[in-house]
Every structure is written in structure tokens, then in C-alpha cells.
Amino acid sequence: MLRSLALTAMLLAPTAAFAQDLPTAPYLPLDLATSAALAAIEACAAGGYNVSVAVVGRDGATKVLLKADMSGPHTGSSAEGKAFTAAALGRDAGELADFIAANPNNNGLRDMDARFVIQAGGLPIRIGEALVGGIGVGGAPNGGLDADCARAGLTAIGAE
């Protein structure tokens, strides 16, 4: 009898584990990432800027990378680095650059990860209060313009 109970318990244990509701983390769906990237590239194109736009998920993996015709060869990696930085740190990459400039003893932040590009044009993507990714733009004449285009991407998907 005891052996039967033990066997029954072992067989039911995996079923009980699968029946539990597993927590789900917020994420950035591909369709929203694509919409944000398109809106950002269109905003820059309206200003006459040939840029690249990258959108990464919360894990830093690139979901979308768009390069405008005639965008510079460096703009793709710049956009990806800015997006990665914003997602990894949950901060505006331009504000982070200003923070480091004002507090030189925090310059080590630049070396925390080789993928960081700490320049204006990288913004975190928040849906509600959840950090779900980052968007980065590279190639406009200055970082402020890159950031404006990135903001247009956020606005297009209702993100902050």
C-alpha cells in the first residue's frame, strides 16, 4: 500500500507543477517593435536624415534593425548600442552621457559592457510601468535629433 501511495505521489507531482500559473514577464511584441522602428525612421526621413533605427527587447537582443537608404555604415551599430544601453540600464542614453560628464568618477559605466553606446538617441521603452526594451537611432546630424526620432517611435506605439 505504501509503495502505491509513493508511486501515485511521484506521478502526480509533475502534473501539479505544470498546472500552476507561471509568472509572465512583460515583453515587447515584434509588431510593436516594428511599428516603433518605422515611425522613428519616418520621422528622421521627414527631417532629411538617413538614419538607422534599432529596437531591442528587455534582454538586449535586437528585435528590429532598419537602415535607411544612404545611411552611414556606422549607423546600424550605433543605433543598436544606444538601444541596448537604454534597455540594459532603463535610462535615456543621452541623459546618462550628461550624468557621466557631470560626475567623472562614474566614467566606469562606459566600460561595463562593450555593447554600450552612451550618447543621445537611445531611449528605454516602457509600456505602463514595465521596462520592455529600448529604441536607438543613429545617423542624424546630432544626438538630440536622434532622440527626437526615437521619441516619435515611442509615441507611435503609445509607450513612454
Protein backbone atom coordinates (compact mmCIF):
# COMPACT_ATOMS: atom_id res chain seq x y z
CA MET A 1 0.00 0.00 0.00
CA LEU A 2 2.77 2.41 0.92
CA ARG A 3 4.52 1.68 -2.36
CA SER A 4 1.32 2.52 -4.29
CA LEU A 5 0.95 5.84 -2.49
CA ALA A 6 4.58 6.78 -3.18
CA LEU A 7 4.21 5.91 -6.87
CA THR A 8 0.99 7.90 -7.12
CA ALA A 9 2.63 10.92 -5.48
CA MET A 10 5.59 10.77 -7.87
CA LEU A 11 3.31 10.57 -10.90
CA LEU A 12 1.13 13.46 -9.74
CA ALA A 13 3.98 15.80 -8.74
CA PRO A 14 4.92 16.86 -12.29
CA THR A 15 1.26 17.42 -13.16
CA ALA A 16 0.82 19.71 -10.18
CA ALA A 17 3.88 21.73 -11.17
CA PHE A 18 2.60 22.23 -14.72
CA ALA A 19 -0.87 23.14 -13.51
CA GLN A 20 0.44 26.17 -11.60
CA ASP A 21 0.19 29.57 -13.20
CA LEU A 22 3.71 30.55 -14.13
CA PRO A 23 4.61 34.25 -13.86
CA THR A 24 4.83 36.03 -17.18
CA ALA A 25 7.19 38.95 -17.68
CA PRO A 26 6.11 41.90 -19.79
CA TYR A 27 7.69 41.83 -23.22
CA LEU A 28 7.79 43.88 -26.41
CA PRO A 29 5.85 42.17 -29.21
CA LEU A 30 7.51 42.17 -32.62
CA ASP A 31 4.68 44.13 -34.23
CA LEU A 32 5.11 46.99 -31.73
CA ALA A 33 8.89 46.93 -32.14
CA THR A 34 8.48 47.13 -35.91
CA SER A 35 5.94 49.95 -35.68
CA ALA A 36 8.22 51.95 -33.38
CA ALA A 37 11.19 51.50 -35.70
CA LEU A 38 9.21 52.51 -38.78
CA ALA A 39 7.82 55.62 -37.07
CA ALA A 40 11.30 56.66 -35.93
CA ILE A 41 12.86 56.16 -39.36
CA GLU A 42 9.98 58.08 -40.98
CA ALA A 43 10.35 60.96 -38.50
CA CYS A 44 14.03 61.26 -39.35
CA ALA A 45 13.34 60.94 -43.09
CA ALA A 46 10.86 63.84 -42.81
CA GLY A 47 13.76 65.92 -41.49
CA GLY A 48 16.02 64.76 -44.30
CA TYR A 49 18.13 62.41 -42.14
CA ASN A 50 19.20 58.97 -43.33
CA VAL A 51 19.43 57.00 -40.12
CA SER A 52 19.35 53.52 -38.72
CA VAL A 53 16.88 52.52 -36.02
CA ALA A 54 17.22 49.55 -33.71
CA VAL A 55 14.73 48.18 -31.24
CA VAL A 56 15.84 45.65 -28.64
CA GLY A 57 13.84 43.62 -26.16
CA ARG A 58 14.31 43.77 -22.41
CA ASP A 59 17.01 41.12 -22.72
CA GLY A 60 19.00 43.38 -25.06
CA ALA A 61 18.52 41.15 -28.10
CA THR A 62 17.84 43.05 -31.33
CA LYS A 63 14.26 42.61 -32.50
CA VAL A 64 14.34 45.11 -35.38
CA LEU A 65 17.09 46.96 -37.23
CA LEU A 66 16.15 49.26 -40.10
CA LYS A 67 18.72 51.15 -42.17
CA ALA A 68 17.51 53.97 -44.36
CA ASP A 69 18.83 54.18 -47.89
CA MET A 70 22.08 56.14 -47.87
CA SER A 71 22.54 55.80 -44.09
CA GLY A 72 26.15 55.68 -42.99
CA PRO A 73 27.87 52.35 -42.46
CA HIS A 74 28.34 53.05 -38.74
CA THR A 75 24.72 53.95 -38.03
CA GLY A 76 23.42 50.41 -37.54
CA SER A 77 25.85 49.54 -34.77
CA SER A 78 25.37 52.97 -33.21
CA ALA A 79 21.60 52.52 -33.13
CA GLU A 80 21.89 49.00 -31.68
CA GLY A 81 24.32 50.17 -28.99
CA LYS A 82 22.09 53.07 -27.98
CA ALA A 83 19.02 50.81 -27.82
CA PHE A 84 20.94 48.19 -25.82
CA THR A 85 22.19 50.81 -23.37
CA ALA A 86 18.69 52.21 -22.82
CA ALA A 87 17.20 48.75 -22.28
CA ALA A 88 20.01 47.46 -20.08
CA LEU A 89 20.08 50.47 -17.78
CA GLY A 90 16.48 51.62 -18.14
CA ARG A 91 17.67 55.16 -18.82
CA ASP A 92 17.88 57.68 -21.63
CA ALA A 93 21.38 57.14 -23.07
CA GLY A 94 21.81 60.90 -23.62
CA GLU A 95 20.93 61.70 -20.02
CA LEU A 96 23.38 59.01 -18.96
CA ALA A 97 26.10 60.70 -21.02
CA ASP A 98 25.31 64.01 -19.29
CA PHE A 99 25.36 62.29 -15.89
CA ILE A 100 28.81 60.82 -16.54
CA ALA A 101 30.12 64.15 -17.83
CA ALA A 102 28.94 65.86 -14.64
CA ASN A 103 30.25 63.06 -12.42
CA PRO A 104 33.58 61.89 -13.92
CA ASN A 105 34.11 59.28 -11.19
CA ASN A 106 31.20 57.38 -12.80
CA ASN A 107 33.04 57.14 -16.13
CA GLY A 108 33.48 53.42 -15.49
CA LEU A 109 29.86 52.96 -16.60
CA ARG A 110 31.13 53.31 -20.17
CA ASP A 111 33.21 50.16 -19.73
CA MET A 112 30.61 47.95 -18.06
CA ASP A 113 29.62 46.34 -21.35
CA ALA A 114 31.27 46.61 -24.77
CA ARG A 115 27.81 46.95 -26.36
CA PHE A 116 27.07 50.25 -24.60
CA VAL A 117 26.85 53.39 -26.72
CA ILE A 118 26.32 56.20 -24.24
CA GLN A 119 25.14 59.01 -26.48
CA ALA A 120 21.84 60.75 -27.10
CA GLY A 121 19.41 58.81 -29.25
CA GLY A 122 18.76 55.76 -27.08
CA LEU A 123 15.54 55.62 -25.06
CA PRO A 124 14.06 52.95 -22.84
CA ILE A 125 10.68 51.56 -23.91
CA ARG A 126 8.14 51.33 -21.12
CA ILE A 127 4.65 50.00 -21.55
CA GLY A 128 2.76 51.02 -18.48
CA GLU A 129 5.39 50.90 -15.78
CA ALA A 130 7.20 47.90 -17.24
CA LEU A 131 10.57 48.30 -18.96
CA VAL A 132 10.21 46.14 -22.09
CA GLY A 133 13.11 47.25 -24.29
CA GLY A 134 14.99 50.12 -25.87
CA ILE A 135 15.00 52.08 -29.11
CA GLY A 136 18.09 53.63 -30.61
CA VAL A 137 18.59 55.96 -33.55
CA GLY A 138 21.92 56.78 -35.16
CA GLY A 139 22.84 58.97 -38.10
CA ALA A 140 21.10 62.35 -37.70
CA PRO A 141 23.41 65.38 -37.50
CA ASN A 142 23.31 65.33 -33.70
CA GLY A 143 22.13 63.15 -30.83
CA GLY A 144 19.25 65.46 -29.98
CA LEU A 145 17.75 64.83 -33.41
CA ASP A 146 18.34 61.09 -33.00
CA ALA A 147 16.46 61.26 -29.67
CA ASP A 148 13.58 63.20 -31.24
CA CYS A 149 13.16 60.47 -33.85
CA ALA A 150 13.34 57.77 -31.18
CA ARG A 151 10.61 59.62 -29.23
CA ALA A 152 8.44 59.58 -32.36
CA GLY A 153 8.81 55.79 -32.33
CA LEU A 154 7.70 55.61 -28.71
CA THR A 155 4.74 57.88 -29.36
CA ALA A 156 3.62 55.75 -32.32
CA ILE A 157 3.16 52.71 -30.07
CA GLY A 158 1.85 54.52 -27.00
CA ALA A 159 4.99 53.82 -24.99
CA GLU A 160 6.81 56.13 -22.64
